[in-house]
C-alpha atoms as a PDB file:
ATOM      1  CA  MET A   1     -31.142  33.558  -2.385  1.00  0.00           C
ATOM      2  CA  VAL A   2     -28.261  31.715  -0.725  1.00  0.00           C
ATOM      3  CA  SER A   3     -25.895  30.001  -3.113  1.00  0.00           C
ATOM      4  CA  VAL A   4     -25.151  26.296  -2.996  1.00  0.00           C
ATOM      5  CA  ARG A   5     -21.533  27.075  -2.109  1.00  0.00           C
ATOM      6  CA  ALA A   6     -22.575  29.128   0.899  1.00  0.00           C
ATOM      7  CA  LYS A   7     -24.864  26.338   2.113  1.00  0.00           C
ATOM      8  CA  GLY A   8     -22.080  23.785   1.672  1.00  0.00           C
ATOM      9  CA  ALA A   9     -19.644  25.980   3.577  1.00  0.00           C
ATOM     10  CA  ALA A  10     -22.198  26.479   6.379  1.00  0.00           C
ATOM     11  CA  VAL A  11     -22.769  22.721   6.662  1.00  0.00           C
ATOM     12  CA  LEU A  12     -19.015  22.102   6.703  1.00  0.00           C
ATOM     13  CA  VAL A  13     -18.467  24.695   9.452  1.00  0.00           C
ATOM     14  CA  ALA A  14     -21.342  23.195  11.465  1.00  0.00           C
ATOM     15  CA  VAL A  15     -19.902  19.697  11.159  1.00  0.00           C
ATOM     16  CA  PHE A  16     -16.478  20.870  12.317  1.00  0.00           C
ATOM     17  CA  ALA A  17     -18.026  22.822  15.203  1.00  0.00           C
ATOM     18  CA  LEU A  18     -20.053  19.815  16.349  1.00  0.00           C
ATOM     19  CA  GLY A  19     -16.965  17.634  16.060  1.00  0.00           C
ATOM     20  CA  GLY A  20     -15.023  20.083  18.216  1.00  0.00           C
ATOM     21  CA  VAL A  21     -17.759  20.118  20.846  1.00  0.00           C
ATOM     22  CA  ALA A  22     -17.982  16.307  20.857  1.00  0.00           C
ATOM     23  CA  GLY A  23     -14.194  15.993  21.102  1.00  0.00           C
ATOM     24  CA  GLY A  24     -14.061  18.495  23.947  1.00  0.00           C
ATOM     25  CA  ALA A  25     -16.810  16.660  25.832  1.00  0.00           C
ATOM     26  CA  GLY A  26     -15.066  13.329  25.338  1.00  0.00           C
ATOM     27  CA  THR A  27     -11.765  14.755  26.540  1.00  0.00           C
ATOM     28  CA  PHE A  28     -13.457  16.268  29.590  1.00  0.00           C
ATOM     29  CA  ALA A  29     -15.078  12.920  30.474  1.00  0.00           C
ATOM     30  CA  TRP A  30     -11.787  11.081  29.996  1.00  0.00           C
ATOM     31  CA  LEU A  31      -9.913  13.517  32.241  1.00  0.00           C
ATOM     32  CA  ARG A  32     -12.593  13.284  34.942  1.00  0.00           C
ATOM     33  CA  ARG A  33     -12.326   9.490  34.867  1.00  0.00           C
ATOM     34  CA  ASP A  34      -8.543   9.711  35.274  1.00  0.00           C
ATOM     35  CA  GLU A  35      -8.954  12.140  38.176  1.00  0.00           C
ATOM     36  CA  ALA A  36     -11.318   9.694  39.881  1.00  0.00           C
ATOM     37  CA  ALA A  37      -8.871   6.835  39.307  1.00  0.00           C
ATOM     38  CA  SER A  38      -6.017   8.916  40.737  1.00  0.00           C
ATOM     39  CA  ALA A  39      -8.109   9.728  43.796  1.00  0.00           C
ATOM     40  CA  GLU A  40      -8.830   6.022  44.321  1.00  0.00           C
ATOM     41  CA  GLU A  41      -5.124   5.195  43.996  1.00  0.00           C
ATOM     42  CA  GLU A  42      -4.344   7.824  46.639  1.00  0.00           C
ATOM     43  CA  HIS A  43      -6.721   5.979  48.980  1.00  0.00           C
ATOM     44  CA  GLY A  44      -4.856   2.694  48.549  1.00  0.00           C
ATOM     45  CA  LEU A  45      -6.861   1.160  45.703  1.00  0.00           C
ATOM     46  CA  ARG A  46      -4.579   0.300  42.819  1.00  0.00           C
ATOM     47  CA  ASN A  47      -7.250  -0.871  40.343  1.00  0.00           C
ATOM     48  CA  PRO A  48     -10.341   1.290  40.798  1.00  0.00           C
ATOM     49  CA  ARG A  49     -12.019  -0.264  37.723  1.00  0.00           C
ATOM     50  CA  ARG A  50     -12.835  -3.389  39.712  1.00  0.00           C
ATOM     51  CA  LEU A  51     -14.591  -1.320  42.366  1.00  0.00           C
ATOM     52  CA  ARG A  52     -16.524   0.657  39.742  1.00  0.00           C
ATOM     53  CA  ALA A  53     -17.594  -2.568  38.013  1.00  0.00           C
ATOM     54  CA  LEU A  54     -18.835  -4.054  41.283  1.00  0.00           C
ATOM     55  CA  GLU A  55     -20.562  -0.810  42.168  1.00  0.00           C
ATOM     56  CA  ARG A  56     -22.407  -0.738  38.825  1.00  0.00           C
ATOM     57  CA  SER A  57     -23.250  -4.445  38.746  1.00  0.00           C
ATOM     58  CA  LEU A  58     -24.424  -4.736  42.358  1.00  0.00           C
ATOM     59  CA  ASP A  59     -25.876  -1.253  42.971  1.00  0.00           C
ATOM     60  CA  LEU A  60     -23.754  -0.859  46.099  1.00  0.00           C
ATOM     61  CA  THR A  61     -24.746   1.674  48.740  1.00  0.00           C
ATOM     62  CA  ALA A  62     -22.182   4.292  49.776  1.00  0.00           C
ATOM     63  CA  SER A  63     -21.394   2.291  52.913  1.00  0.00           C
ATOM     64  CA  GLN A  64     -20.965  -0.949  50.967  1.00  0.00           C
ATOM     65  CA  ARG A  65     -18.779   0.825  48.416  1.00  0.00           C
ATOM     66  CA  GLU A  66     -16.399   2.062  51.114  1.00  0.00           C
ATOM     67  CA  GLN A  67     -16.236  -1.369  52.757  1.00  0.00           C
ATOM     68  CA  VAL A  68     -15.551  -3.073  49.401  1.00  0.00           C
ATOM     69  CA  ARG A  69     -12.911  -0.432  48.617  1.00  0.00           C
ATOM     70  CA  ALA A  70     -11.155  -1.159  51.925  1.00  0.00           C
ATOM     71  CA  ILE A  71     -11.271  -4.910  51.299  1.00  0.00           C
ATOM     72  CA  LEU A  72      -9.857  -4.505  47.772  1.00  0.00           C
ATOM     73  CA  ALA A  73      -7.115  -2.170  48.982  1.00  0.00           C
ATOM     74  CA  GLN A  74      -6.060  -4.571  51.731  1.00  0.00           C
ATOM     75  CA  GLY A  75      -6.333  -7.573  49.409  1.00  0.00           C
ATOM     76  CA  GLY A  76      -4.195  -5.798  46.812  1.00  0.00           C
ATOM     77  CA  GLU A  77      -1.407  -5.200  49.316  1.00  0.00           C
ATOM     78  CA  GLN A  78      -1.479  -8.850  50.376  1.00  0.00           C
ATOM     79  CA  ARG A  79      -1.507 -10.002  46.735  1.00  0.00           C
ATOM     80  CA  ARG A  80       1.505  -7.844  45.863  1.00  0.00           C
ATOM     81  CA  HIS A  81       3.407  -9.180  48.874  1.00  0.00           C
ATOM     82  CA  LEU A  82       2.552 -12.807  48.000  1.00  0.00           C
ATOM     83  CA  ALA A  83       3.487 -12.287  44.337  1.00  0.00           C
ATOM     84  CA  GLN A  84       6.869 -10.828  45.300  1.00  0.00           C
ATOM     85  CA  GLU A  85       7.526 -13.792  47.594  1.00  0.00           C
ATOM     86  CA  MET A  86       6.581 -16.201  44.812  1.00  0.00           C
ATOM     87  CA  PHE A  87       8.873 -14.440  42.340  1.00  0.00           C
ATOM     88  CA  GLU A  88      11.750 -14.568  44.776  1.00  0.00           C
ATOM     89  CA  ARG A  89      11.219 -18.300  45.512  1.00  0.00           C
ATOM     90  CA  CYS A  90      10.334 -19.548  42.039  1.00  0.00           C
ATOM     91  CA  GLY A  91      12.227 -17.209  39.755  1.00  0.00           C
ATOM     92  CA  ASP A  92      15.545 -19.042  39.718  1.00  0.00           C
ATOM     93  CA  GLY A  93      14.848 -20.838  36.431  1.00  0.00           C
ATOM     94  CA  LEU A  94      13.832 -17.645  34.688  1.00  0.00           C
ATOM     95  CA  ARG A  95      16.758 -15.753  36.172  1.00  0.00           C
ATOM     96  CA  VAL A  96      19.208 -18.402  34.895  1.00  0.00           C
ATOM     97  CA  HIS A  97      17.558 -18.346  31.455  1.00  0.00           C
ATOM     98  CA  HIS A  98      17.728 -14.541  31.315  1.00  0.00           C
ATOM     99  CA  GLU A  99      21.402 -14.551  32.313  1.00  0.00           C
ATOM    100  CA  GLY A 100      22.170 -17.220  29.685  1.00  0.00           C
ATOM    101  CA  VAL A 101      20.503 -15.261  26.886  1.00  0.00           C
ATOM    102  CA  THR A 102      22.314 -12.112  27.980  1.00  0.00           C
ATOM    103  CA  ALA A 103      25.663 -13.964  28.035  1.00  0.00           C
ATOM    104  CA  GLN A 104      25.063 -15.366  24.522  1.00  0.00           C
ATOM    105  CA  ILE A 105      24.321 -11.915  23.135  1.00  0.00           C
ATOM    106  CA  ARG A 106      27.291 -10.379  24.953  1.00  0.00           C
ATOM    107  CA  ALA A 107      29.637 -13.068  23.509  1.00  0.00           C
ATOM    108  CA  LEU A 108      28.797 -11.931  19.969  1.00  0.00           C
ATOM    109  CA  LEU A 109      29.803  -8.331  20.609  1.00  0.00           C
ATOM    110  CA  THR A 110      33.088  -6.467  20.333  1.00  0.00           C
ATOM    111  CA  PRO A 111      34.589  -5.146  23.592  1.00  0.00           C
ATOM    112  CA  GLU A 112      33.253  -1.638  22.835  1.00  0.00           C
ATOM    113  CA  GLN A 113      29.783  -3.040  22.118  1.00  0.00           C
ATOM    114  CA  GLN A 114      29.943  -5.129  25.301  1.00  0.00           C
ATOM    115  CA  THR A 115      30.532  -1.979  27.353  1.00  0.00           C
ATOM    116  CA  ARG A 116      27.554  -0.264  25.735  1.00  0.00           C
ATOM    117  CA  PHE A 117      25.466  -3.450  26.084  1.00  0.00           C
ATOM    118  CA  ASP A 118      26.262  -3.619  29.815  1.00  0.00           C
ATOM    119  CA  THR A 119      25.116   0.001  30.181  1.00  0.00           C
ATOM    120  CA  ILE A 120      21.881  -0.759  28.347  1.00  0.00           C
ATOM    121  CA  ALA A 121      21.278  -4.063  30.178  1.00  0.00           C
ATOM    122  CA  ALA A 122      21.775  -2.681  33.706  1.00  0.00           C
ATOM    123  CA  PRO A 123      18.353  -0.987  33.999  1.00  0.00           C
ATOM    124  CA  GLN A 124      16.648  -4.092  32.608  1.00  0.00           C
ATOM    125  CA  ARG A 125      18.472  -6.304  35.092  1.00  0.00           C
ATOM    126  CA  ASP A 126      17.317  -4.024  37.915  1.00  0.00           C
ATOM    127  CA  ARG A 127      13.703  -4.163  36.647  1.00  0.00           C
ATOM    128  CA  PHE A 128      13.685  -7.935  36.131  1.00  0.00           C
ATOM    129  CA  PRO A 129      11.073  -9.225  38.618  1.00  0.00           C
ATOM    130  CA  PHE A 130      12.820 -12.519  39.363  1.00  0.00           C
ATOM    131  CA  GLY A 131      15.870 -11.058  40.982  1.00  0.00           C
ATOM    132  CA  GLY A 132      17.612  -7.844  41.681  1.00  0.00           C
ATOM    133  CA  GLY A 133      16.176  -4.621  42.879  1.00  0.00           C
ATOM    134  CA  GLY A 134      12.630  -5.485  43.927  1.00  0.00           C
ATOM    135  CA  ARG A 135       9.317  -4.396  42.466  1.00  0.00           C
ATOM    136  CA  ARG A 136       9.276  -1.298  40.302  1.00  0.00           C
ATOM    137  CA  ARG A 137       6.501   0.156  38.242  1.00  0.00           C
ATOM    138  CA  ARG A 138       7.298   0.084  34.552  1.00  0.00           C
ATOM    139  CA  GLY A 139       6.957   3.299  32.639  1.00  0.00           C
ATOM    140  CA  PRO A 140       6.948   3.844  28.903  1.00  0.00           C
ATOM    141  CA  ARG A 141       9.747   2.172  27.010  1.00  0.00           C
ATOM    142  CA  GLU A 142      12.755   4.387  26.719  1.00  0.00           C
ATOM    143  CA  SER A 143      15.139   4.358  23.804  1.00  0.00           C
ATOM    144  CA  GLY A 144      18.256   2.328  24.375  1.00  0.00           C
ATOM    145  CA  ARG A 145      16.442  -0.373  26.341  1.00  0.00           C
ATOM    146  CA  PHE A 146      15.556  -3.696  24.843  1.00  0.00           C
END
């Protein structure tokens, strides 16, 4: 006769095994989805979720899917260009505000802190969409940036 402890241990091992299988399957599905999204980005589509949503909702044929993908890719390029133009034309107020806040903070600092602050603020100034170095994709926040 099998003891209660042995049965409990067997159930515990089974639960952990099933959890491992479920976790592995979920990870596999997640990675496949990311691979598909990367492939879409390589073909000029920046937000493949919109295409997938339309495909699911409308039951698009393969031909329709490719035509919609091309339209979204072209529309995305035009949207990015128009947004950059808008930022360059309309961003003066935000740029002035940003520079004012930066100047107020800098005025509180010692000369040594001001030097370090300028080093920290330079990448942010370059990333700021309303002036400076153009459009850049933001990555994860790095230490030392505010």
